[in-house]
Protein backbone atom coordinates (compact mmCIF):
# COMPACT_ATOMS: atom_id res chain seq x y z
CA MET A 1 91.98 71.37 123.39
CA HIS A 2 94.28 72.54 126.14
CA ASP A 3 93.86 74.47 129.36
CA THR A 4 97.11 76.45 129.30
CA TYR A 5 98.34 78.84 126.62
CA ASP A 6 100.93 81.52 126.09
CA VAL A 7 98.33 84.02 124.91
CA VAL A 8 94.53 84.09 124.78
CA ILE A 9 93.25 86.40 122.04
CA VAL A 10 89.63 87.53 122.27
CA GLY A 11 88.20 88.29 118.83
CA LEU A 12 88.91 86.70 115.45
CA GLY A 13 88.55 89.69 113.21
CA PRO A 14 91.50 90.71 111.03
CA VAL A 15 93.48 92.11 114.00
CA GLY A 16 93.03 89.05 116.21
CA ALA A 17 93.76 86.69 113.31
CA MET A 18 96.87 88.68 112.34
CA LEU A 19 98.17 88.66 115.91
CA ALA A 20 97.48 84.94 116.29
CA GLY A 21 99.15 84.14 112.97
CA LEU A 22 102.31 86.05 113.82
CA LEU A 23 102.59 84.61 117.32
CA GLY A 24 101.71 81.12 116.15
CA GLY A 25 104.36 81.36 113.48
CA LYS A 26 106.89 81.98 116.25
CA GLY A 27 105.82 78.74 117.96
CA ARG A 28 103.67 80.23 120.72
CA ARG A 29 100.68 78.26 121.97
CA ILE A 30 97.72 80.49 121.14
CA LEU A 31 94.00 80.31 121.85
CA VAL A 32 91.63 82.55 119.89
CA VAL A 33 88.01 82.79 121.01
CA GLU A 34 85.25 84.21 118.83
CA ARG A 35 81.56 84.36 119.60
CA ASP A 36 80.47 84.04 115.95
CA THR A 37 80.70 80.70 114.21
CA GLN A 38 81.38 81.96 110.68
CA VAL A 39 83.23 84.77 108.96
CA TYR A 40 80.90 87.76 108.76
CA PRO A 41 79.85 87.58 105.10
CA MET A 42 79.43 91.31 104.44
CA PRO A 43 82.24 93.79 103.78
CA ARG A 44 83.05 96.23 106.58
CA ALA A 45 86.51 97.68 106.02
CA VAL A 46 87.12 98.21 102.30
CA HIS A 47 90.55 99.89 102.16
CA VAL A 48 94.14 98.87 102.86
CA ASP A 49 97.41 100.51 101.92
CA HIS A 50 100.61 99.02 100.54
CA GLU A 51 102.35 98.76 103.91
CA VAL A 52 99.52 96.69 105.36
CA ILE A 53 99.33 94.38 102.33
CA ARG A 54 103.03 93.72 102.87
CA LEU A 55 102.43 92.93 106.55
CA LEU A 56 99.61 90.59 105.54
CA SER A 57 102.09 88.76 103.31
CA LEU A 58 103.80 87.61 106.53
CA VAL A 59 100.71 85.48 107.23
CA ARG A 60 100.02 84.49 103.60
CA ALA A 61 97.01 86.77 103.25
CA ASP A 62 98.25 89.30 100.68
CA ASP A 63 96.96 87.30 97.71
CA ALA A 64 93.45 87.38 99.18
CA VAL A 65 93.56 91.17 99.17
CA MET A 66 95.04 91.49 95.72
CA LYS A 67 92.67 89.07 94.01
CA THR A 68 89.72 91.24 95.08
CA ALA A 69 91.57 94.56 94.79
CA ASN A 70 90.36 97.63 92.99
CA VAL A 71 93.41 99.90 92.86
CA THR A 72 92.62 103.40 94.12
CA VAL A 73 92.74 105.90 91.28
CA SER A 74 91.85 109.03 93.26
CA TYR A 75 90.05 110.23 96.37
CA ASP A 76 87.99 113.33 95.60
CA PHE A 77 86.06 115.78 97.76
CA GLU A 78 83.35 117.43 95.68
CA ALA A 79 80.92 120.29 96.23
CA ALA A 80 77.20 119.67 95.71
CA ASP A 81 77.51 120.88 92.11
CA GLY A 82 80.38 118.46 91.41
CA GLU A 83 83.20 121.00 91.57
CA LEU A 84 86.41 119.48 92.96
CA LEU A 85 87.23 120.95 96.39
CA MET A 86 90.33 118.83 96.95
CA GLY A 87 91.65 115.51 95.73
CA PHE A 88 94.35 112.96 96.37
CA ARG A 89 95.93 110.63 93.84
CA PRO A 90 98.43 107.88 94.63
CA PRO A 91 101.65 107.93 92.57
CA ASP A 92 101.49 105.94 89.36
CA ALA A 93 104.47 103.70 90.21
CA PRO A 94 104.14 100.92 92.82
CA ALA A 95 105.05 101.73 96.42
CA PRO A 96 108.48 100.73 97.81
CA THR A 97 106.81 97.56 99.10
CA GLY A 98 106.06 96.53 95.52
CA PHE A 99 102.30 96.74 96.05
CA PRO A 100 99.89 99.45 94.87
CA TRP A 101 99.81 102.42 97.21
CA SER A 102 96.14 102.00 98.02
CA VAL A 103 93.46 99.45 97.16
CA LEU A 104 89.80 98.76 97.87
CA PHE A 105 89.13 95.11 98.67
CA HIS A 106 86.65 92.53 100.02
CA GLN A 107 87.11 91.96 103.75
CA PRO A 108 85.40 88.54 104.02
CA THR A 109 87.88 87.12 101.48
CA LEU A 110 90.75 88.43 103.60
CA GLU A 111 89.30 86.94 106.77
CA VAL A 112 88.96 83.50 105.18
CA ALA A 113 92.64 83.62 104.16
CA LEU A 114 93.71 84.69 107.65
CA ARG A 115 91.82 81.77 109.18
CA GLU A 116 93.29 79.35 106.66
CA ASN A 117 96.72 80.49 107.78
CA LEU A 118 95.85 79.77 111.43
CA ALA A 119 94.79 76.25 110.48
CA ARG A 120 98.35 75.57 109.26
CA HIS A 121 99.68 75.88 112.82
CA PRO A 122 98.92 73.03 115.24
CA ASN A 123 99.91 75.31 118.13
CA ILE A 124 97.02 77.70 117.39
CA GLU A 125 93.58 76.73 118.67
CA VAL A 126 90.46 78.55 117.53
CA ARG A 127 87.20 78.23 119.48
CA LEU A 128 84.27 79.57 117.48
CA GLY A 129 80.86 80.10 119.05
CA THR A 130 82.65 80.86 122.29
CA GLU A 131 82.45 84.10 124.29
CA PHE A 132 84.81 85.73 126.74
CA VAL A 133 83.10 86.13 130.13
CA SER A 134 85.77 87.38 132.52
CA TYR A 135 89.39 87.11 133.55
CA ASP A 136 91.26 86.88 136.84
CA ASP A 137 94.84 88.17 136.97
CA SER A 138 95.25 87.96 140.73
CA ILE A 139 97.55 84.93 140.50
CA GLU A 140 101.11 86.02 139.84
CA GLY A 141 102.51 85.10 136.45
CA LYS A 142 99.27 84.18 134.70
CA VAL A 143 95.71 85.16 133.93
CA SER A 144 92.74 82.81 134.03
CA VAL A 145 89.96 83.34 131.49
CA VAL A 146 86.36 82.18 131.82
CA LEU A 147 84.59 81.26 128.58
CA GLN A 148 81.01 80.37 127.73
CA GLY A 149 79.26 78.94 124.71
CA LYS A 150 80.25 76.02 122.53
CA HIS A 151 83.63 75.56 124.23
CA ALA A 152 82.89 76.79 127.74
CA GLY A 153 85.40 76.48 130.55
CA THR A 154 88.33 78.20 132.21
CA VAL A 155 91.76 78.45 130.64
CA THR A 156 95.00 80.08 131.76
CA ALA A 157 97.60 82.06 129.85
CA ALA A 158 100.51 84.37 130.38
CA TYR A 159 98.61 87.20 128.63
CA ILE A 160 95.19 88.03 127.27
CA VAL A 161 94.76 90.41 124.34
CA GLY A 162 91.47 92.12 123.59
CA CYS A 163 91.02 92.35 119.82
CA ASP A 164 87.29 92.40 120.44
CA GLY A 165 86.18 95.62 118.80
CA GLY A 166 84.93 99.01 119.84
CA ARG A 167 82.71 97.68 122.63
CA SER A 168 85.53 95.42 123.90
CA PRO A 169 84.36 93.34 126.89
CA VAL A 170 88.04 92.81 127.75
CA ARG A 171 88.62 96.57 127.95
CA ARG A 172 85.46 97.04 129.98
CA GLN A 173 86.41 94.45 132.58
CA ALA A 174 89.86 95.97 132.82
CA GLY A 175 88.18 99.28 133.68
CA ILE A 176 90.11 101.16 130.99
CA ALA A 177 88.43 104.47 130.19
CA LEU A 178 88.11 106.04 126.76
CA ASP A 179 89.04 109.56 125.72
CA ASP A 180 86.51 110.95 123.23
CA LEU A 181 87.74 113.37 120.55
CA ASP A 182 84.25 114.88 120.20
CA PHE A 183 83.38 113.72 116.71
CA ASN A 184 80.23 111.61 116.63
CA GLU A 185 78.32 111.54 113.37
CA PRO A 186 75.73 108.88 112.37
CA TRP A 187 75.89 107.51 108.81
CA ALA A 188 74.01 104.80 106.94
CA VAL A 189 76.43 102.40 105.26
CA VAL A 190 74.99 100.57 102.25
CA ASP A 191 76.89 97.83 100.39
CA THR A 192 75.48 96.90 97.00
CA LEU A 193 75.96 94.58 94.04
CA LEU A 194 75.99 96.10 90.56
CA PRO A 195 74.29 94.48 87.57
CA GLU A 196 76.19 92.05 85.38
CA GLY A 197 78.74 93.78 83.21
CA TRP A 198 79.38 96.61 85.66
CA GLU A 199 82.70 96.38 87.48
CA VAL A 200 82.52 99.94 88.84
CA LEU A 201 80.16 102.90 88.64
CA HIS A 202 83.03 105.39 88.64
CA GLU A 203 86.77 105.12 89.22
CA ALA A 204 87.32 107.77 91.90
CA SER A 205 86.37 107.36 95.56
CA ARG A 206 84.12 110.38 96.15
CA GLN A 207 83.12 112.46 99.15
CA ILE A 208 80.13 114.50 98.00
CA CYS A 209 80.05 117.48 100.35
CA ASP A 210 76.41 118.37 99.81
CA PRO A 211 74.90 120.16 102.84
CA ALA A 212 71.48 118.77 101.90
CA ARG A 213 72.91 115.33 102.67
CA PRO A 214 76.64 114.44 102.60
CA VAL A 215 77.32 111.24 100.67
CA THR A 216 80.29 108.89 100.27
CA SER A 217 80.50 106.86 97.05
CA ILE A 218 83.17 104.15 96.89
CA PRO A 219 83.87 101.81 93.94
CA THR A 220 84.94 98.71 95.86
CA GLY A 221 85.33 96.88 92.54
CA HIS A 222 84.44 93.47 91.15
CA GLY A 223 80.80 94.48 90.81
CA ARG A 224 80.45 95.97 94.30
CA HIS A 225 79.77 99.55 95.37
CA ARG A 226 79.42 101.22 98.76
CA TRP A 227 77.39 104.31 99.57
CA GLU A 228 77.37 106.09 102.89
CA PHE A 229 74.61 108.60 103.63
CA MET A 230 74.83 110.98 106.57
CA LEU A 231 71.75 111.14 108.78
CA LEU A 232 70.04 114.52 108.99
CA PRO A 233 69.17 116.15 112.34
CA GLY A 234 66.26 114.32 113.94
CA GLU A 235 66.49 111.39 111.52
CA THR A 236 66.66 107.89 112.99
CA ALA A 237 68.19 104.66 111.74
CA ASP A 238 64.70 103.32 111.02
CA ASP A 239 63.91 106.45 109.00
CA ILE A 240 66.89 106.29 106.66
CA LEU A 241 66.92 102.49 106.31
CA ALA A 242 63.25 102.37 105.31
CA PRO A 243 63.14 100.73 101.86
CA ASP A 244 61.54 103.69 100.08
CA THR A 245 64.00 106.18 101.59
CA LEU A 246 67.04 104.05 100.85
CA SER A 247 65.87 103.38 97.30
CA ALA A 248 65.42 107.09 96.65
CA LEU A 249 68.88 107.89 98.02
CA ILE A 250 70.54 105.24 95.83
CA ALA A 251 68.54 106.17 92.73
CA ALA A 252 69.74 109.77 93.03
CA GLN A 253 73.34 108.59 92.78
CA LEU A 254 73.00 106.38 89.71
CA PRO A 255 73.98 107.22 86.14
CA PRO A 256 71.08 107.56 83.65
CA SER A 257 71.75 104.08 82.26
CA LEU A 258 70.89 102.38 85.57
CA THR A 259 67.80 102.30 87.77
CA ARG A 260 67.32 101.38 91.41
CA ASP A 261 65.93 98.01 90.31
CA ASP A 262 69.34 97.20 88.78
CA ILE A 263 71.05 97.45 92.19
CA GLU A 264 70.97 94.72 94.82
CA ILE A 265 71.52 95.76 98.43
CA GLU A 266 73.82 93.36 100.28
CA ARG A 267 73.75 95.14 103.62
CA SER A 268 72.58 98.38 105.17
CA ALA A 269 73.25 99.58 108.69
CA VAL A 270 73.73 102.81 110.61
CA TYR A 271 77.07 103.47 112.31
CA THR A 272 78.28 106.40 114.35
CA PHE A 273 81.64 107.60 113.05
CA HIS A 274 83.74 108.76 115.97
CA GLY A 275 87.25 109.12 117.34
CA VAL A 276 88.15 107.60 120.71
CA PHE A 277 91.30 106.30 122.41
CA ALA A 278 91.73 103.91 125.33
CA ARG A 279 93.76 105.71 127.98
CA THR A 280 96.06 102.72 128.34
CA TRP A 281 96.57 99.76 126.03
CA ARG A 282 98.13 97.57 128.69
CA LYS A 283 97.04 96.79 132.23
CA GLY A 284 99.37 94.13 133.63
CA ARG A 285 98.74 90.94 131.68
CA VAL A 286 95.85 92.45 129.74
CA LEU A 287 96.54 94.16 126.39
CA LEU A 288 94.39 95.84 123.75
CA ALA A 289 94.78 96.15 119.99
CA GLY A 290 92.76 97.48 117.07
CA ASP A 291 89.32 98.96 117.71
CA ALA A 292 89.48 97.89 121.35
CA ALA A 293 92.30 100.44 121.77
CA HIS A 294 91.27 103.16 119.31
CA GLN A 295 88.52 104.04 116.84
CA MET A 296 88.53 106.61 114.07
CA PRO A 297 86.20 107.99 111.41
CA PRO A 298 86.58 106.22 108.06
CA PHE A 299 87.57 109.25 105.98
CA MET A 300 91.21 108.11 105.61
CA GLY A 301 90.38 104.41 105.33
CA GLN A 302 92.90 103.53 108.04
CA GLY A 303 90.85 101.67 110.67
CA LEU A 304 91.76 98.10 109.70
CA CYS A 305 95.23 99.25 108.62
CA SER A 306 95.95 100.66 112.07
CA GLY A 307 94.84 97.47 113.77
CA VAL A 308 97.08 95.31 111.57
CA ARG A 309 100.01 97.60 112.38
CA ASP A 310 99.18 97.19 116.09
CA ALA A 311 99.34 93.41 115.75
CA ALA A 312 102.64 93.55 113.87
CA ASN A 313 104.15 95.81 116.55
CA LEU A 314 102.84 93.78 119.48
CA ALA A 315 103.45 90.19 118.36
CA TRP A 316 107.26 90.19 118.21
CA LYS A 317 107.45 91.95 121.56
CA LEU A 318 105.11 89.45 123.21
CA ASP A 319 107.17 86.63 121.73
CA ALA A 320 110.41 88.12 123.10
CA VAL A 321 108.88 88.49 126.57
CA LEU A 322 107.48 84.96 126.52
CA GLN A 323 110.86 83.46 125.64
CA ASP A 324 112.58 85.56 128.33
CA THR A 325 114.77 87.52 125.90
CA ALA A 326 113.08 90.79 126.88
CA PRO A 327 111.51 92.21 130.04
CA GLU A 328 107.78 92.88 130.35
CA ALA A 329 108.57 96.58 130.04
CA LEU A 330 109.01 96.04 126.29
CA LEU A 331 105.23 95.67 126.08
CA ASP A 332 104.90 99.22 127.35
CA THR A 333 106.54 100.50 124.15
CA VAL A 334 103.59 99.52 121.94
CA GLN A 335 101.27 102.37 122.85
CA PRO A 336 103.84 105.22 122.69
CA GLU A 337 105.04 103.87 119.33
CA ARG A 338 101.62 103.38 117.80
CA GLU A 339 99.43 106.06 119.34
CA PRO A 340 101.07 109.21 117.87
CA GLN A 341 100.67 107.87 114.34
CA ILE A 342 97.08 106.81 115.00
CA ARG A 343 96.25 110.18 116.55
CA PHE A 344 97.59 111.88 113.42
CA ILE A 345 95.37 109.63 111.28
CA THR A 346 92.35 110.17 113.52
CA GLU A 347 92.73 113.94 113.73
CA THR A 348 93.26 114.14 109.96
CA ALA A 349 90.20 111.97 109.37
CA ILE A 350 88.16 114.16 111.72
CA GLY A 351 89.35 117.23 109.81
CA MET A 352 88.24 115.62 106.56
CA GLY A 353 85.00 114.62 108.22
CA ARG A 354 84.26 118.17 109.29
CA VAL A 355 84.64 119.25 105.66
CA VAL A 356 82.31 116.48 104.49
CA CYS A 357 79.74 116.66 107.28
CA THR A 358 78.84 120.36 106.98
CA GLN A 359 75.02 120.58 106.78
CA ASP A 360 74.64 124.34 107.12
CA VAL A 361 74.07 125.79 103.64
CA GLU A 362 75.73 129.12 104.36
CA ALA A 363 78.72 127.48 106.02
CA ALA A 364 79.05 125.09 103.06
CA THR A 365 78.95 128.02 100.63
CA VAL A 366 81.76 129.75 102.51
CA ARG A 367 83.70 126.48 102.71
CA ASP A 368 83.44 125.90 98.97
CA ALA A 369 84.46 129.45 98.13
CA ASP A 370 87.43 129.38 100.50
CA MET A 371 88.68 126.05 99.20
CA CYS A 372 88.19 126.94 95.54
CA ALA A 373 90.04 130.24 96.01
CA THR A 374 93.20 128.16 96.33
CA PRO A 375 94.67 127.19 92.94
CA LEU A 376 93.58 123.70 91.90
CA ALA A 377 97.16 122.41 91.79
CA GLN A 378 97.56 123.28 95.48
CA ARG A 379 94.44 121.40 96.61
CA THR A 380 95.18 118.27 94.64
CA GLY A 381 98.19 116.05 94.98
CA THR A 382 99.43 112.65 96.07
CA THR A 383 97.78 110.77 98.91
CA PRO A 384 99.10 112.13 102.23
CA GLY A 385 101.71 109.87 103.82
CA LEU A 386 101.71 108.76 107.43
CA PRO A 387 104.24 109.97 110.00
CA PRO A 388 106.84 107.47 111.21
CA GLN A 389 106.70 105.44 114.37
CA SER A 390 109.05 107.57 116.44
CA THR A 391 109.68 105.78 119.73
CA GLY A 392 112.42 103.18 119.88
CA ILE A 393 114.10 104.62 116.81
CA MET A 394 117.53 106.19 116.93
CA ALA A 395 117.14 109.95 116.93
CA GLU A 396 119.64 110.84 114.23
CA ASP A 397 118.10 108.34 111.84
CA ALA A 398 114.59 109.63 112.48
CA ARG A 399 115.75 113.13 111.65
CA ALA A 400 117.25 111.79 108.43
CA GLY A 401 113.81 110.55 107.39
CA VAL A 402 114.72 106.86 107.29
CA ALA A 403 114.01 105.27 110.66
CA GLY A 404 110.44 104.76 111.75
CA PHE A 405 109.24 104.25 108.18
CA PRO A 406 108.48 100.90 106.48
CA PHE A 407 111.46 99.10 105.00
CA ALA A 408 111.38 98.70 101.22
CA ARG A 409 110.44 95.18 100.21
CA ASP A 410 112.58 92.60 98.48
CA VAL A 411 110.57 89.43 97.95
CA GLN A 412 113.49 87.06 98.47
CA LEU A 413 114.64 88.84 101.62
CA ASP A 414 111.11 88.75 103.04
CA LEU A 415 110.90 85.02 102.37
CA LEU A 416 114.23 84.43 104.09
CA SER A 417 113.58 86.56 107.14
CA GLY A 418 109.88 86.06 107.75
CA TYR A 419 108.79 87.87 110.92
CA ALA A 420 112.26 88.49 112.35
CA PRO A 421 114.77 91.35 112.61
CA VAL A 422 117.07 91.89 109.64
CA LEU A 423 120.53 93.43 109.44
CA LEU A 424 121.24 94.26 105.83
CA LEU A 425 124.87 95.10 105.08
CA ALA A 426 126.31 96.96 102.14
CA GLN A 427 129.13 94.38 101.99
CA SER A 428 129.38 90.72 102.96
CA PRO A 429 129.62 90.23 106.73
CA ASN A 430 132.60 89.05 108.72
CA ASP A 431 131.64 85.63 110.12
CA GLN A 432 132.97 86.42 113.59
CA HIS A 433 131.09 89.70 113.75
CA ALA A 434 127.93 88.05 112.46
CA ALA A 435 128.04 85.43 115.21
CA GLN A 436 128.46 88.13 117.84
CA TRP A 437 125.55 90.14 116.48
CA GLN A 438 123.25 87.12 116.38
CA THR A 439 124.12 86.40 120.00
CA LEU A 440 123.13 89.93 120.94
CA VAL A 441 119.90 89.81 118.91
CA PRO A 442 118.40 86.30 118.84
CA GLY A 443 116.82 85.39 115.52
CA LEU A 444 118.62 88.17 113.64
CA LEU A 445 118.93 87.50 109.91
CA ILE A 446 122.10 88.97 108.41
CA ALA A 447 122.20 89.54 104.67
CA SER A 448 124.11 91.74 102.27
CA LEU A 449 123.28 93.80 99.24
CA SER A 450 126.19 92.13 97.46
CA GLY A 451 125.17 88.61 98.46
CA SER A 452 123.14 86.68 95.91
CA GLU A 453 121.74 84.54 98.74
CA ALA A 454 119.59 87.46 99.89
CA ILE A 455 118.90 90.28 97.47
CA LYS A 456 117.65 88.96 94.16
CA ASP A 457 115.97 92.08 92.86
CA ASN A 458 118.64 94.65 93.78
CA ASN A 459 115.69 96.77 94.86
CA GLY A 460 116.37 100.42 94.14
CA HIS A 461 114.21 101.51 97.08
CA ILE A 462 116.37 99.49 99.48
CA ARG A 463 119.52 101.05 98.09
CA GLN A 464 117.94 104.45 98.47
CA GLN A 465 117.10 103.77 102.13
CA ILE A 466 120.53 102.48 103.03
CA GLY A 467 122.30 105.17 101.00
CA LYS A 468 126.04 105.22 101.62
CA ALA A 469 125.73 103.71 105.09
CA GLU A 470 127.32 100.40 106.06
CA ALA A 471 124.07 98.80 107.17
CA ILE A 472 120.36 99.14 107.82
CA LEU A 473 118.55 97.34 110.68
CA VAL A 474 114.88 96.44 110.29
CA ARG A 475 112.54 95.36 113.08
CA PRO A 476 110.31 92.29 112.67
CA ASP A 477 107.33 94.56 111.98
CA ARG A 478 109.24 95.84 108.92
CA ILE A 479 109.91 99.25 110.45
CA VAL A 480 113.42 100.62 109.92
CA PHE A 481 115.22 100.87 113.26
CA GLY A 482 118.23 102.72 111.92
CA VAL A 483 121.04 103.02 109.40
CA GLY A 484 124.77 103.32 109.99
CA ASN A 485 127.52 101.24 111.56
CA PRO A 486 126.30 97.63 111.97
CA ALA A 487 127.86 97.03 115.39
CA ARG A 488 126.29 100.21 116.69
CA LEU A 489 122.91 99.32 115.20
CA VAL A 490 122.89 95.86 116.74
CA GLY A 491 123.99 97.16 120.12
CA GLU A 492 121.35 99.90 120.12
CA PHE A 493 118.62 97.46 119.11
CA ALA A 494 119.66 94.97 121.80
CA ASP A 495 119.52 97.77 124.36
CA TYR A 496 116.13 98.83 123.07
CA VAL A 497 114.70 95.33 123.37
CA SER A 498 116.14 94.92 126.85
CA CYS A 499 114.75 98.34 127.81
CA THR A 500 118.15 99.59 128.95
CA ARG A 501 118.20 102.67 126.74
CA SER A 502 115.98 105.72 126.45
CA GLN A 503 112.83 104.89 124.55
CA SER A 504 112.23 108.37 123.19
CA VAL A 505 113.59 110.14 120.15
């Protein structure tokens, strides 16, 4: 154990473990504190998308997702009588990352893999059974952190990051207020095990928009199933979680060939689905990520995904600041880059939630009629994509629909670059130019589409992204910075990292 670290991370959920793994892989001395002593054994998040699986591959955790994955077939919103109100279906072909567009998975398996990755790095220390108590950032250049529990004491670090969930003690001590988007709906979440021989009850993920009681039914795969039941007005957690009530609710959802006795309940709990945002994600040497910074209803399945993207955005910037290749102001780019996308997700999820959560029979009848008046082809389609990260991206490239989006994946190129910026050229680079560019952008990997040392797959998606341009520059978080002239790209990125250019598109 040590007393001094580069970063103290509070919380060892997927976001904290992802952030620690990325920073530890860059050689930073990291301390992660977690009050629990074991991985929480029950599933919580059950969905990730292709972009996040690719990010998880940077910390060797993608296999853990895929070995428990149930590929999403469709996401359907149904009326009480089963009529399809609207539906989303991922494309049949793999995403540009090479992974399925959307999968349902087992979170505990992912968390074990993330912790195994941390154990590979001697510069990462994990203190389980240890709670954050308080911090003091009054001493210039560092923050001291008081801990209690199994590994009590006081440690110091350059930064502390709260990845400690929706109730975030770090956020509370920092005095950071929350903005509430006025969506607060209580639901019972019930995770179950199916009988032997049953992999899934049904293939589609279903939102059953029944005003008598809205229900979510999710085939998490590998013999697991999740139901979510909305609480009715005046109903309490004790009411709905009573064994007889819960059994009746589950029995009503089963096919005729199964009975309630065939189903084993792993976990049941009541959660309030809501949308909130921390007003600031950074206060001096204190930063927030994941649920500590924002929370959203689950109707788009993007809660864990958004936190992993936060970690991927933040880690390379913290590393650059810690090694004095970027000013602290670079940390202020995380929130304006991440928040607009997360607000889109949250507002879309709230919109979906308002469709699902209607409990007024007349209002539901009008809703169903209005939605079904639209031709079926217009209310079904591919899963809605996410908007790009806009800040820090060159304006002309963002307008062209390239920058701000995830870079297409080539396995060999990912292995070569790891968590570092990449300049991919259409032609082999001039050695003198390459040396100059790597001086401007430390750690820059330079590769070429024509060079066998980099691109093994000749990925068609990469060629589509680069088009007829000379080069494409990709940030460490696998977001495309821009396409065009390589010298211009490198210069613009160096200015962006040094905060000497406008940060807005």
